[in-house]
PDB file of N, CA and C in Angstrom:
ATOM      1  N   MET A   1      12.881 -26.387 -19.097  1.00  0.00           N
ATOM      2  CA  MET A   1      13.198 -25.802 -17.803  1.00  0.00           C
ATOM      3  C   MET A   1      12.114 -24.787 -17.455  1.00  0.00           C
ATOM      4  N   PRO A   2      11.664 -24.800 -16.235  1.00  0.00           N
ATOM      5  CA  PRO A   2      10.628 -23.831 -15.842  1.00  0.00           C
ATOM      6  C   PRO A   2      11.191 -22.411 -15.748  1.00  0.00           C
ATOM      7  N   ASP A   3      10.294 -21.450 -15.884  1.00  0.00           N
ATOM      8  CA  ASP A   3      10.675 -20.046 -15.730  1.00  0.00           C
ATOM      9  C   ASP A   3      11.190 -19.807 -14.315  1.00  0.00           C
ATOM     10  N   PHE A   4      11.993 -18.768 -14.143  1.00  0.00           N
ATOM     11  CA  PHE A   4      12.473 -18.404 -12.813  1.00  0.00           C
ATOM     12  C   PHE A   4      12.618 -16.893 -12.737  1.00  0.00           C
ATOM     13  N   VAL A   5      12.684 -16.385 -11.520  1.00  0.00           N
ATOM     14  CA  VAL A   5      12.768 -14.949 -11.292  1.00  0.00           C
ATOM     15  C   VAL A   5      14.082 -14.633 -10.584  1.00  0.00           C
ATOM     16  N   SER A   6      14.752 -13.585 -11.048  1.00  0.00           N
ATOM     17  CA  SER A   6      15.956 -13.070 -10.404  1.00  0.00           C
ATOM     18  C   SER A   6      15.889 -11.555 -10.468  1.00  0.00           C
ATOM     19  N   ASP A   7      16.108 -10.908  -9.342  1.00  0.00           N
ATOM     20  CA  ASP A   7      16.040  -9.443  -9.272  1.00  0.00           C
ATOM     21  C   ASP A   7      14.736  -8.911  -9.859  1.00  0.00           C
ATOM     22  N   LYS A   8      13.657  -9.597  -9.543  1.00  0.00           N
ATOM     23  CA  LYS A   8      12.305  -9.211  -9.975  1.00  0.00           C
ATOM     24  C   LYS A   8      12.111  -9.259 -11.490  1.00  0.00           C
ATOM     25  N   HIS A   9      12.960  -9.994 -12.187  1.00  0.00           N
ATOM     26  CA  HIS A   9      12.843 -10.144 -13.634  1.00  0.00           C
ATOM     27  C   HIS A   9      12.581 -11.609 -13.954  1.00  0.00           C
ATOM     28  N   LEU A  10      11.613 -11.858 -14.824  1.00  0.00           N
ATOM     29  CA  LEU A  10      11.265 -13.218 -15.221  1.00  0.00           C
ATOM     30  C   LEU A  10      12.189 -13.682 -16.346  1.00  0.00           C
ATOM     31  N   PHE A  11      12.803 -14.826 -16.160  1.00  0.00           N
ATOM     32  CA  PHE A  11      13.653 -15.428 -17.183  1.00  0.00           C
ATOM     33  C   PHE A  11      13.039 -16.746 -17.617  1.00  0.00           C
ATOM     34  N   HIS A  12      13.182 -17.054 -18.908  1.00  0.00           N
ATOM     35  CA  HIS A  12      12.604 -18.278 -19.453  1.00  0.00           C
ATOM     36  C   HIS A  12      13.629 -19.394 -19.632  1.00  0.00           C
ATOM     37  N   ASN A  13      14.923 -19.034 -19.583  1.00  0.00           N
ATOM     38  CA  ASN A  13      15.966 -20.051 -19.712  1.00  0.00           C
ATOM     39  C   ASN A  13      17.297 -19.484 -19.216  1.00  0.00           C
ATOM     40  N   PRO A  14      18.270 -20.341 -18.937  1.00  0.00           N
ATOM     41  CA  PRO A  14      19.543 -19.873 -18.395  1.00  0.00           C
ATOM     42  C   PRO A  14      20.369 -19.043 -19.377  1.00  0.00           C
ATOM     43  N   VAL A  15      20.183 -19.251 -20.680  1.00  0.00           N
ATOM     44  CA  VAL A  15      20.909 -18.438 -21.662  1.00  0.00           C
ATOM     45  C   VAL A  15      20.438 -16.990 -21.572  1.00  0.00           C
ATOM     46  N   GLU A  16      19.137 -16.803 -21.465  1.00  0.00           N
ATOM     47  CA  GLU A  16      18.582 -15.458 -21.311  1.00  0.00           C
ATOM     48  C   GLU A  16      19.139 -14.794 -20.048  1.00  0.00           C
ATOM     49  N   PHE A  17      19.238 -15.551 -18.969  1.00  0.00           N
ATOM     50  CA  PHE A  17      19.784 -15.016 -17.720  1.00  0.00           C
ATOM     51  C   PHE A  17      21.255 -14.620 -17.892  1.00  0.00           C
ATOM     52  N   ALA A  18      22.051 -15.515 -18.498  1.00  0.00           N
ATOM     53  CA  ALA A  18      23.474 -15.218 -18.710  1.00  0.00           C
ATOM     54  C   ALA A  18      23.647 -13.976 -19.579  1.00  0.00           C
ATOM     55  N   MET A  19      22.850 -13.863 -20.620  1.00  0.00           N
ATOM     56  CA  MET A  19      22.958 -12.700 -21.506  1.00  0.00           C
ATOM     57  C   MET A  19      22.534 -11.418 -20.806  1.00  0.00           C
ATOM     58  N   SER A  20      21.653 -11.532 -19.826  1.00  0.00           N
ATOM     59  CA  SER A  20      21.272 -10.329 -19.073  1.00  0.00           C
ATOM     60  C   SER A  20      22.447  -9.815 -18.239  1.00  0.00           C
ATOM     61  N   LYS A  21      23.372 -10.703 -17.921  1.00  0.00           N
ATOM     62  CA  LYS A  21      24.532 -10.329 -17.111  1.00  0.00           C
ATOM     63  C   LYS A  21      25.721  -9.856 -17.948  1.00  0.00           C
ATOM     64  N   ILE A  22      25.935 -10.454 -19.131  1.00  0.00           N
ATOM     65  CA  ILE A  22      27.112 -10.085 -19.932  1.00  0.00           C
ATOM     66  C   ILE A  22      26.757  -9.510 -21.294  1.00  0.00           C
ATOM     67  N   GLY A  23      25.476  -9.488 -21.640  1.00  0.00           N
ATOM     68  CA  GLY A  23      25.065  -9.001 -22.949  1.00  0.00           C
ATOM     69  C   GLY A  23      25.008  -7.488 -23.012  1.00  0.00           C
ATOM     70  N   GLY A  24      24.456  -7.006 -24.088  1.00  0.00           N
ATOM     71  CA  GLY A  24      24.380  -5.567 -24.301  1.00  0.00           C
ATOM     72  C   GLY A  24      25.530  -5.105 -25.179  1.00  0.00           C
ATOM     73  N   THR A  25      25.580  -3.833 -25.416  1.00  0.00           N
ATOM     74  CA  THR A  25      26.561  -3.278 -26.340  1.00  0.00           C
ATOM     75  C   THR A  25      27.973  -3.235 -25.771  1.00  0.00           C
ATOM     76  N   TYR A  26      28.124  -3.014 -24.481  1.00  0.00           N
ATOM     77  CA  TYR A  26      29.450  -2.679 -23.948  1.00  0.00           C
ATOM     78  C   TYR A  26      30.056  -3.670 -22.956  1.00  0.00           C
ATOM     79  N   LYS A  27      29.268  -4.524 -22.338  1.00  0.00           N
ATOM     80  CA  LYS A  27      29.842  -5.410 -21.319  1.00  0.00           C
ATOM     81  C   LYS A  27      30.847  -6.395 -21.903  1.00  0.00           C
ATOM     82  N   MET A  28      30.524  -6.988 -23.044  1.00  0.00           N
ATOM     83  CA  MET A  28      31.462  -7.937 -23.640  1.00  0.00           C
ATOM     84  C   MET A  28      32.757  -7.257 -24.073  1.00  0.00           C
ATOM     85  N   PRO A  29      32.703  -6.096 -24.733  1.00  0.00           N
ATOM     86  CA  PRO A  29      33.974  -5.426 -25.058  1.00  0.00           C
ATOM     87  C   PRO A  29      34.804  -5.064 -23.824  1.00  0.00           C
ATOM     88  N   ILE A  30      34.150  -4.710 -22.737  1.00  0.00           N
ATOM     89  CA  ILE A  30      34.883  -4.408 -21.501  1.00  0.00           C
ATOM     90  C   ILE A  30      35.578  -5.670 -20.991  1.00  0.00           C
ATOM     91  N   LEU A  31      34.834  -6.763 -20.895  1.00  0.00           N
ATOM     92  CA  LEU A  31      35.417  -8.018 -20.417  1.00  0.00           C
ATOM     93  C   LEU A  31      36.549  -8.479 -21.338  1.00  0.00           C
ATOM     94  N   TRP A  32      36.354  -8.328 -22.640  1.00  0.00           N
ATOM     95  CA  TRP A  32      37.374  -8.750 -23.611  1.00  0.00           C
ATOM     96  C   TRP A  32      38.679  -8.001 -23.380  1.00  0.00           C
ATOM     97  N   ARG A  33      38.597  -6.707 -23.116  1.00  0.00           N
ATOM     98  CA  ARG A  33      39.796  -5.915 -22.882  1.00  0.00           C
ATOM     99  C   ARG A  33      40.483  -6.300 -21.569  1.00  0.00           C
ATOM    100  N   LEU A  34      39.700  -6.631 -20.561  1.00  0.00           N
ATOM    101  CA  LEU A  34      40.267  -6.945 -19.248  1.00  0.00           C
ATOM    102  C   LEU A  34      40.842  -8.363 -19.159  1.00  0.00           C
ATOM    103  N   LYS A  35      40.644  -9.167 -20.188  1.00  0.00           N
ATOM    104  CA  LYS A  35      41.063 -10.572 -20.108  1.00  0.00           C
ATOM    105  C   LYS A  35      42.568 -10.747 -19.945  1.00  0.00           C
ATOM    106  N   ASP A  36      43.360  -9.803 -20.441  1.00  0.00           N
ATOM    107  CA  ASP A  36      44.815  -9.959 -20.406  1.00  0.00           C
ATOM    108  C   ASP A  36      45.529  -9.074 -19.397  1.00  0.00           C
ATOM    109  N   LYS A  37      44.892  -7.968 -18.999  1.00  0.00           N
ATOM    110  CA  LYS A  37      45.562  -7.043 -18.083  1.00  0.00           C
ATOM    111  C   LYS A  37      44.550  -6.101 -17.457  1.00  0.00           C
ATOM    112  N   ALA A  38      44.993  -5.412 -16.424  1.00  0.00           N
ATOM    113  CA  ALA A  38      44.153  -4.401 -15.777  1.00  0.00           C
ATOM    114  C   ALA A  38      44.107  -3.155 -16.658  1.00  0.00           C
ATOM    115  N   TRP A  39      42.959  -2.479 -16.642  1.00  0.00           N
ATOM    116  CA  TRP A  39      42.790  -1.245 -17.408  1.00  0.00           C
ATOM    117  C   TRP A  39      42.269  -0.159 -16.488  1.00  0.00           C
ATOM    118  N   ARG A  40      42.647   1.062 -16.793  1.00  0.00           N
ATOM    119  CA  ARG A  40      42.106   2.224 -16.095  1.00  0.00           C
ATOM    120  C   ARG A  40      40.849   2.692 -16.830  1.00  0.00           C
ATOM    121  N   TYR A  41      40.018   3.463 -16.114  1.00  0.00           N
ATOM    122  CA  TYR A  41      38.766   3.957 -16.689  1.00  0.00           C
ATOM    123  C   TYR A  41      39.023   4.684 -18.011  1.00  0.00           C
ATOM    124  N   SER A  42      39.974   5.598 -18.018  1.00  0.00           N
ATOM    125  CA  SER A  42      40.240   6.401 -19.220  1.00  0.00           C
ATOM    126  C   SER A  42      40.714   5.535 -20.383  1.00  0.00           C
ATOM    127  N   GLU A  43      41.469   4.481 -20.091  1.00  0.00           N
ATOM    128  CA  GLU A  43      41.920   3.575 -21.151  1.00  0.00           C
ATOM    129  C   GLU A  43      40.735   2.848 -21.771  1.00  0.00           C
ATOM    130  N   LEU A  44      39.819   2.387 -20.926  1.00  0.00           N
ATOM    131  CA  LEU A  44      38.617   1.736 -21.440  1.00  0.00           C
ATOM    132  C   LEU A  44      37.791   2.717 -22.261  1.00  0.00           C
ATOM    133  N   ALA A  45      37.603   3.913 -21.743  1.00  0.00           N
ATOM    134  CA  ALA A  45      36.800   4.927 -22.436  1.00  0.00           C
ATOM    135  C   ALA A  45      37.377   5.237 -23.813  1.00  0.00           C
ATOM    136  N   ASN A  46      38.689   5.311 -23.905  1.00  0.00           N
ATOM    137  CA  ASN A  46      39.337   5.649 -25.176  1.00  0.00           C
ATOM    138  C   ASN A  46      39.394   4.484 -26.153  1.00  0.00           C
ATOM    139  N   SER A  47      39.246   3.255 -25.662  1.00  0.00           N
ATOM    140  CA  SER A  47      39.407   2.089 -26.537  1.00  0.00           C
ATOM    141  C   SER A  47      38.091   1.516 -27.058  1.00  0.00           C
ATOM    142  N   ILE A  48      36.976   1.911 -26.470  1.00  0.00           N
ATOM    143  CA  ILE A  48      35.677   1.368 -26.883  1.00  0.00           C
ATOM    144  C   ILE A  48      34.942   2.435 -27.693  1.00  0.00           C
ATOM    145  N   PRO A  49      34.769   2.191 -28.991  1.00  0.00           N
ATOM    146  CA  PRO A  49      34.125   3.200 -29.837  1.00  0.00           C
ATOM    147  C   PRO A  49      32.705   3.539 -29.382  1.00  0.00           C
ATOM    148  N   HIS A  50      32.399   4.804 -29.415  1.00  0.00           N
ATOM    149  CA  HIS A  50      31.042   5.327 -29.199  1.00  0.00           C
ATOM    150  C   HIS A  50      30.502   5.168 -27.783  1.00  0.00           C
ATOM    151  N   ILE A  51      31.303   4.775 -26.822  1.00  0.00           N
ATOM    152  CA  ILE A  51      30.782   4.607 -25.460  1.00  0.00           C
ATOM    153  C   ILE A  51      30.800   5.960 -24.740  1.00  0.00           C
ATOM    154  N   SER A  52      29.697   6.267 -24.086  1.00  0.00           N
ATOM    155  CA  SER A  52      29.623   7.506 -23.305  1.00  0.00           C
ATOM    156  C   SER A  52      30.131   7.228 -21.891  1.00  0.00           C
ATOM    157  N   ASP A  53      30.476   8.285 -21.177  1.00  0.00           N
ATOM    158  CA  ASP A  53      30.897   8.121 -19.782  1.00  0.00           C
ATOM    159  C   ASP A  53      29.793   7.458 -18.970  1.00  0.00           C
ATOM    160  N   ARG A  54      28.556   7.852 -19.234  1.00  0.00           N
ATOM    161  CA  ARG A  54      27.417   7.289 -18.498  1.00  0.00           C
ATOM    162  C   ARG A  54      27.315   5.779 -18.712  1.00  0.00           C
ATOM    163  N   MET A  55      27.439   5.341 -19.967  1.00  0.00           N
ATOM    164  CA  MET A  55      27.310   3.909 -20.254  1.00  0.00           C
ATOM    165  C   MET A  55      28.512   3.120 -19.745  1.00  0.00           C
ATOM    166  N   LEU A  56      29.700   3.704 -19.815  1.00  0.00           N
ATOM    167  CA  LEU A  56      30.874   3.006 -19.281  1.00  0.00           C
ATOM    168  C   LEU A  56      30.744   2.855 -17.774  1.00  0.00           C
ATOM    169  N   SER A  57      30.361   3.913 -17.098  1.00  0.00           N
ATOM    170  CA  SER A  57      30.178   3.851 -15.639  1.00  0.00           C
ATOM    171  C   SER A  57      29.117   2.832 -15.261  1.00  0.00           C
ATOM    172  N   LYS A  58      27.994   2.841 -15.977  1.00  0.00           N
ATOM    173  CA  LYS A  58      26.892   1.910 -15.695  1.00  0.00           C
ATOM    174  C   LYS A  58      27.334   0.461 -15.927  1.00  0.00           C
ATOM    175  N   SER A  59      27.994   0.216 -17.042  1.00  0.00           N
ATOM    176  CA  SER A  59      28.443  -1.142 -17.361  1.00  0.00           C
ATOM    177  C   SER A  59      29.467  -1.643 -16.352  1.00  0.00           C
ATOM    178  N   LEU A  60      30.427  -0.795 -15.985  1.00  0.00           N
ATOM    179  CA  LEU A  60      31.424  -1.188 -14.985  1.00  0.00           C
ATOM    180  C   LEU A  60      30.760  -1.474 -13.644  1.00  0.00           C
ATOM    181  N   LYS A  61      29.816  -0.636 -13.255  1.00  0.00           N
ATOM    182  CA  LYS A  61      29.112  -0.830 -11.981  1.00  0.00           C
ATOM    183  C   LYS A  61      28.385  -2.174 -11.966  1.00  0.00           C
ATOM    184  N   GLU A  62      27.676  -2.496 -13.046  1.00  0.00           N
ATOM    185  CA  GLU A  62      26.941  -3.763 -13.111  1.00  0.00           C
ATOM    186  C   GLU A  62      27.891  -4.955 -13.127  1.00  0.00           C
ATOM    187  N   LEU A  63      28.984  -4.859 -13.877  1.00  0.00           N
ATOM    188  CA  LEU A  63      29.956  -5.953 -13.901  1.00  0.00           C
ATOM    189  C   LEU A  63      30.609  -6.146 -12.535  1.00  0.00           C
ATOM    190  N   LEU A  64      30.856  -5.056 -11.826  1.00  0.00           N
ATOM    191  CA  LEU A  64      31.389  -5.129 -10.457  1.00  0.00           C
ATOM    192  C   LEU A  64      30.393  -5.801  -9.521  1.00  0.00           C
ATOM    193  N   GLU A  65      29.147  -5.331  -9.554  1.00  0.00           N
ATOM    194  CA  GLU A  65      28.110  -5.873  -8.668  1.00  0.00           C
ATOM    195  C   GLU A  65      27.871  -7.356  -8.914  1.00  0.00           C
ATOM    196  N   ASP A  66      27.998  -7.787 -10.172  1.00  0.00           N
ATOM    197  CA  ASP A  66      27.746  -9.185 -10.511  1.00  0.00           C
ATOM    198  C   ASP A  66      28.986 -10.065 -10.391  1.00  0.00           C
ATOM    199  N   GLY A  67      30.118  -9.481  -9.989  1.00  0.00           N
ATOM    200  CA  GLY A  67      31.319 -10.262  -9.721  1.00  0.00           C
ATOM    201  C   GLY A  67      32.143 -10.652 -10.931  1.00  0.00           C
ATOM    202  N   PHE A  68      31.951  -9.987 -12.070  1.00  0.00           N
ATOM    203  CA  PHE A  68      32.733 -10.300 -13.265  1.00  0.00           C
ATOM    204  C   PHE A  68      34.061  -9.555 -13.295  1.00  0.00           C
ATOM    205  N   ILE A  69      34.115  -8.416 -12.602  1.00  0.00           N
ATOM    206  CA  ILE A  69      35.343  -7.630 -12.530  1.00  0.00           C
ATOM    207  C   ILE A  69      35.547  -7.152 -11.097  1.00  0.00           C
ATOM    208  N   SER A  70      36.759  -6.712 -10.820  1.00  0.00           N
ATOM    209  CA  SER A  70      37.064  -6.095  -9.527  1.00  0.00           C
ATOM    210  C   SER A  70      37.674  -4.725  -9.799  1.00  0.00           C
ATOM    211  N   LYS A  71      37.693  -3.915  -8.759  1.00  0.00           N
ATOM    212  CA  LYS A  71      38.204  -2.550  -8.871  1.00  0.00           C
ATOM    213  C   LYS A  71      39.231  -2.343  -7.770  1.00  0.00           C
ATOM    214  N   GLU A  72      40.395  -1.842  -8.155  1.00  0.00           N
ATOM    215  CA  GLU A  72      41.447  -1.580  -7.174  1.00  0.00           C
ATOM    216  C   GLU A  72      41.789  -0.094  -7.212  1.00  0.00           C
ATOM    217  N   ILE A  73      41.709   0.541  -6.048  1.00  0.00           N
ATOM    218  CA  ILE A  73      42.041   1.959  -5.926  1.00  0.00           C
ATOM    219  C   ILE A  73      43.375   2.069  -5.206  1.00  0.00           C
ATOM    220  N   PHE A  74      44.334   2.715  -5.848  1.00  0.00           N
ATOM    221  CA  PHE A  74      45.669   2.860  -5.283  1.00  0.00           C
ATOM    222  C   PHE A  74      45.763   4.179  -4.523  1.00  0.00           C
ATOM    223  N   PRO A  75      46.324   4.151  -3.313  1.00  0.00           N
ATOM    224  CA  PRO A  75      46.421   5.370  -2.497  1.00  0.00           C
ATOM    225  C   PRO A  75      47.568   6.271  -2.963  1.00  0.00           C
ATOM    226  N   GLU A  76      47.367   6.884  -4.101  1.00  0.00           N
ATOM    227  CA  GLU A  76      48.368   7.768  -4.690  1.00  0.00           C
ATOM    228  C   GLU A  76      47.746   9.141  -4.910  1.00  0.00           C
ATOM    229  N   VAL A  77      48.577  10.095  -5.239  1.00  0.00           N
ATOM    230  CA  VAL A  77      48.084  11.418  -5.610  1.00  0.00           C
ATOM    231  C   VAL A  77      48.591  11.709  -7.019  1.00  0.00           C
ATOM    232  N   PRO A  78      47.697  11.847  -7.995  1.00  0.00           N
ATOM    233  CA  PRO A  78      46.253  11.649  -7.894  1.00  0.00           C
ATOM    234  C   PRO A  78      45.922  10.158  -7.774  1.00  0.00           C
ATOM    235  N   PRO A  79      44.733   9.844  -7.255  1.00  0.00           N
ATOM    236  CA  PRO A  79      44.348   8.441  -7.091  1.00  0.00           C
ATOM    237  C   PRO A  79      44.322   7.709  -8.437  1.00  0.00           C
ATOM    238  N   ARG A  80      44.722   6.463  -8.406  1.00  0.00           N
ATOM    239  CA  ARG A  80      44.708   5.624  -9.606  1.00  0.00           C
ATOM    240  C   ARG A  80      43.774   4.457  -9.337  1.00  0.00           C
ATOM    241  N   THR A  81      42.880   4.197 -10.288  1.00  0.00           N
ATOM    242  CA  THR A  81      41.931   3.100 -10.177  1.00  0.00           C
ATOM    243  C   THR A  81      42.127   2.167 -11.362  1.00  0.00           C
ATOM    244  N   GLU A  82      42.184   0.875 -11.085  1.00  0.00           N
ATOM    245  CA  GLU A  82      42.304  -0.120 -12.146  1.00  0.00           C
ATOM    246  C   GLU A  82      41.199  -1.158 -12.009  1.00  0.00           C
ATOM    247  N   TYR A  83      40.752  -1.638 -13.152  1.00  0.00           N
ATOM    248  CA  TYR A  83      39.739  -2.685 -13.211  1.00  0.00           C
ATOM    249  C   TYR A  83      40.408  -3.967 -13.671  1.00  0.00           C
ATOM    250  N   ASN A  84      40.067  -5.072 -13.001  1.00  0.00           N
ATOM    251  CA  ASN A  84      40.634  -6.386 -13.292  1.00  0.00           C
ATOM    252  C   ASN A  84      39.510  -7.385 -13.498  1.00  0.00           C
ATOM    253  N   ILE A  85      39.811  -8.433 -14.236  1.00  0.00           N
ATOM    254  CA  ILE A  85      38.826  -9.490 -14.437  1.00  0.00           C
ATOM    255  C   ILE A  85      38.911 -10.484 -13.280  1.00  0.00           C
ATOM    256  N   THR A  86      37.782 -11.055 -12.896  1.00  0.00           N
ATOM    257  CA  THR A  86      37.724 -12.073 -11.843  1.00  0.00           C
ATOM    258  C   THR A  86      37.619 -13.457 -12.487  1.00  0.00           C
ATOM    259  N   GLU A  87      37.601 -14.488 -11.665  1.00  0.00           N
ATOM    260  CA  GLU A  87      37.423 -15.848 -12.191  1.00  0.00           C
ATOM    261  C   GLU A  87      36.092 -15.970 -12.929  1.00  0.00           C
ATOM    262  N   ARG A  88      35.046 -15.379 -12.391  1.00  0.00           N
ATOM    263  CA  ARG A  88      33.740 -15.405 -13.066  1.00  0.00           C
ATOM    264  C   ARG A  88      33.850 -14.711 -14.426  1.00  0.00           C
ATOM    265  N   GLY A  89      34.560 -13.607 -14.455  1.00  0.00           N
ATOM    266  CA  GLY A  89      34.757 -12.885 -15.708  1.00  0.00           C
ATOM    267  C   GLY A  89      35.548 -13.696 -16.719  1.00  0.00           C
ATOM    268  N   LYS A  90      36.555 -14.437 -16.241  1.00  0.00           N
ATOM    269  CA  LYS A  90      37.354 -15.284 -17.135  1.00  0.00           C
ATOM    270  C   LYS A  90      36.495 -16.368 -17.773  1.00  0.00           C
ATOM    271  N   LYS A  91      35.569 -16.934 -17.001  1.00  0.00           N
ATOM    272  CA  LYS A  91      34.649 -17.934 -17.560  1.00  0.00           C
ATOM    273  C   LYS A  91      33.770 -17.303 -18.631  1.00  0.00           C
ATOM    274  N   ALA A  92      33.324 -16.079 -18.378  1.00  0.00           N
ATOM    275  CA  ALA A  92      32.495 -15.373 -19.360  1.00  0.00           C
ATOM    276  C   ALA A  92      33.283 -15.107 -20.639  1.00  0.00           C
ATOM    277  N   VAL A  93      34.566 -14.772 -20.508  1.00  0.00           N
ATOM    278  CA  VAL A  93      35.395 -14.496 -21.684  1.00  0.00           C
ATOM    279  C   VAL A  93      35.533 -15.741 -22.558  1.00  0.00           C
ATOM    280  N   GLU A  94      35.566 -16.917 -21.957  1.00  0.00           N
ATOM    281  CA  GLU A  94      35.605 -18.155 -22.743  1.00  0.00           C
ATOM    282  C   GLU A  94      34.378 -18.248 -23.641  1.00  0.00           C
ATOM    283  N   ILE A  95      33.214 -17.924 -23.092  1.00  0.00           N
ATOM    284  CA  ILE A  95      31.965 -17.944 -23.859  1.00  0.00           C
ATOM    285  C   ILE A  95      31.984 -16.839 -24.911  1.00  0.00           C
ATOM    286  N   ILE A  96      32.453 -15.666 -24.532  1.00  0.00           N
ATOM    287  CA  ILE A  96      32.530 -14.539 -25.464  1.00  0.00           C
ATOM    288  C   ILE A  96      33.437 -14.892 -26.645  1.00  0.00           C
ATOM    289  N   SER A  97      34.530 -15.580 -26.381  1.00  0.00           N
ATOM    290  CA  SER A  97      35.449 -15.990 -27.443  1.00  0.00           C
ATOM    291  C   SER A  97      34.747 -16.917 -28.431  1.00  0.00           C
ATOM    292  N   THR A  98      33.986 -17.859 -27.915  1.00  0.00           N
ATOM    293  CA  THR A  98      33.232 -18.770 -28.774  1.00  0.00           C
ATOM    294  C   THR A  98      32.199 -18.001 -29.592  1.00  0.00           C
ATOM    295  N   LEU A  99      31.471 -17.096 -28.957  1.00  0.00           N
ATOM    296  CA  LEU A  99      30.488 -16.274 -29.667  1.00  0.00           C
ATOM    297  C   LEU A  99      31.157 -15.408 -30.730  1.00  0.00           C
ATOM    298  N   ARG A 100      32.314 -14.867 -30.404  1.00  0.00           N
ATOM    299  CA  ARG A 100      33.062 -14.022 -31.340  1.00  0.00           C
ATOM    300  C   ARG A 100      33.440 -14.819 -32.582  1.00  0.00           C
ATOM    301  N   ASN A 101      33.980 -16.011 -32.381  1.00  0.00           N
ATOM    302  CA  ASN A 101      34.359 -16.857 -33.517  1.00  0.00           C
ATOM    303  C   ASN A 101      33.144 -17.225 -34.355  1.00  0.00           C
ATOM    304  N   TYR A 102      32.038 -17.547 -33.691  1.00  0.00           N
ATOM    305  CA  TYR A 102      30.805 -17.866 -34.405  1.00  0.00           C
ATOM    306  C   TYR A 102      30.303 -16.643 -35.168  1.00  0.00           C
ATOM    307  N   GLY A 103      30.437 -15.474 -34.565  1.00  0.00           N
ATOM    308  CA  GLY A 103      30.049 -14.235 -35.239  1.00  0.00           C
ATOM    309  C   GLY A 103      30.835 -14.019 -36.521  1.00  0.00           C
ATOM    310  N   PHE A 104      32.147 -14.285 -36.490  1.00  0.00           N
ATOM    311  CA  PHE A 104      32.964 -14.161 -37.698  1.00  0.00           C
ATOM    312  C   PHE A 104      32.500 -15.148 -38.772  1.00  0.00           C
ATOM    313  N   GLU A 105      32.155 -16.381 -38.353  1.00  0.00           N
ATOM    314  CA  GLU A 105      31.640 -17.368 -39.303  1.00  0.00           C
ATOM    315  C   GLU A 105      30.340 -16.884 -39.930  1.00  0.00           C
ATOM    316  N   LEU A 106      29.436 -16.380 -39.108  1.00  0.00           N
ATOM    317  CA  LEU A 106      28.161 -15.879 -39.624  1.00  0.00           C
ATOM    318  C   LEU A 106      28.364 -14.698 -40.569  1.00  0.00           C
ATOM    319  N   MET A 107      29.266 -13.800 -40.215  1.00  0.00           N
ATOM    320  CA  MET A 107      29.549 -12.660 -41.092  1.00  0.00           C
ATOM    321  C   MET A 107      29.989 -13.152 -42.469  1.00  0.00           C
ATOM    322  N   LYS A 108      30.863 -14.147 -42.477  1.00  0.00           N
ATOM    323  CA  LYS A 108      31.337 -14.708 -43.741  1.00  0.00           C
ATOM    324  C   LYS A 108      30.181 -15.350 -44.507  1.00  0.00           C
ATOM    325  N   ASP A 109      29.355 -16.136 -43.798  1.00  0.00           N
ATOM    326  CA  ASP A 109      28.210 -16.798 -44.430  1.00  0.00           C
ATOM    327  C   ASP A 109      27.231 -15.800 -45.044  1.00  0.00           C
ATOM    328  N   PHE A 110      27.089 -14.641 -44.419  1.00  0.00           N
ATOM    329  CA  PHE A 110      26.152 -13.630 -44.894  1.00  0.00           C
ATOM    330  C   PHE A 110      26.821 -12.589 -45.795  1.00  0.00           C
ATOM    331  N   GLY A 111      28.082 -12.821 -46.139  1.00  0.00           N
ATOM    332  CA  GLY A 111      28.779 -11.924 -47.050  1.00  0.00           C
ATOM    333  C   GLY A 111      29.129 -10.572 -46.461  1.00  0.00           C
ATOM    334  N   ILE A 112      29.316 -10.532 -45.154  1.00  0.00           N
ATOM    335  CA  ILE A 112      29.661  -9.285 -44.479  1.00  0.00           C
ATOM    336  C   ILE A 112      31.161  -9.269 -44.244  1.00  0.00           C
ATOM    337  N   GLU A 113      31.801  -8.199 -44.691  1.00  0.00           N
ATOM    338  CA  GLU A 113      33.249  -8.080 -44.513  1.00  0.00           C
ATOM    339  C   GLU A 113      33.564  -7.367 -43.213  1.00  0.00           C
ATOM    340  N   GLU A 114      34.606  -7.849 -42.550  1.00  0.00           N
ATOM    341  CA  GLU A 114      35.064  -7.215 -41.310  1.00  0.00           C
ATOM    342  C   GLU A 114      35.741  -5.894 -41.644  1.00  0.00           C
ATOM    343  N   LYS A 115      35.448  -4.869 -40.843  1.00  0.00           N
ATOM    344  CA  LYS A 115      36.072  -3.552 -41.069  1.00  0.00           C
ATOM    345  C   LYS A 115      37.373  -3.449 -40.323  1.00  0.00           C
TER     346      LYS A 115
END
């Protein structure tokens, strides 16, 4: 497949492009949590180890912009905001699930125990 450009970035294959959208340290854990229910910002922050507010905000913003999640703001006092997974996000979770299972297999093959 020939190289292609998206958002001024050169990609060499579609896997590289997909990983640019859902890869990294925090996007997959965010999507994984949202697969079953809506979460509030504070719930996500408290459930993902070592994530800073800056990285959570950045990851949520990118996932929103790319259509993997949606954000609902409720007109309450105080305001309540929830994040939900979209159809695009659900498709990504299917891939993440496969990668997760493969990761467990690799860990076993390399003698790494799950903590």
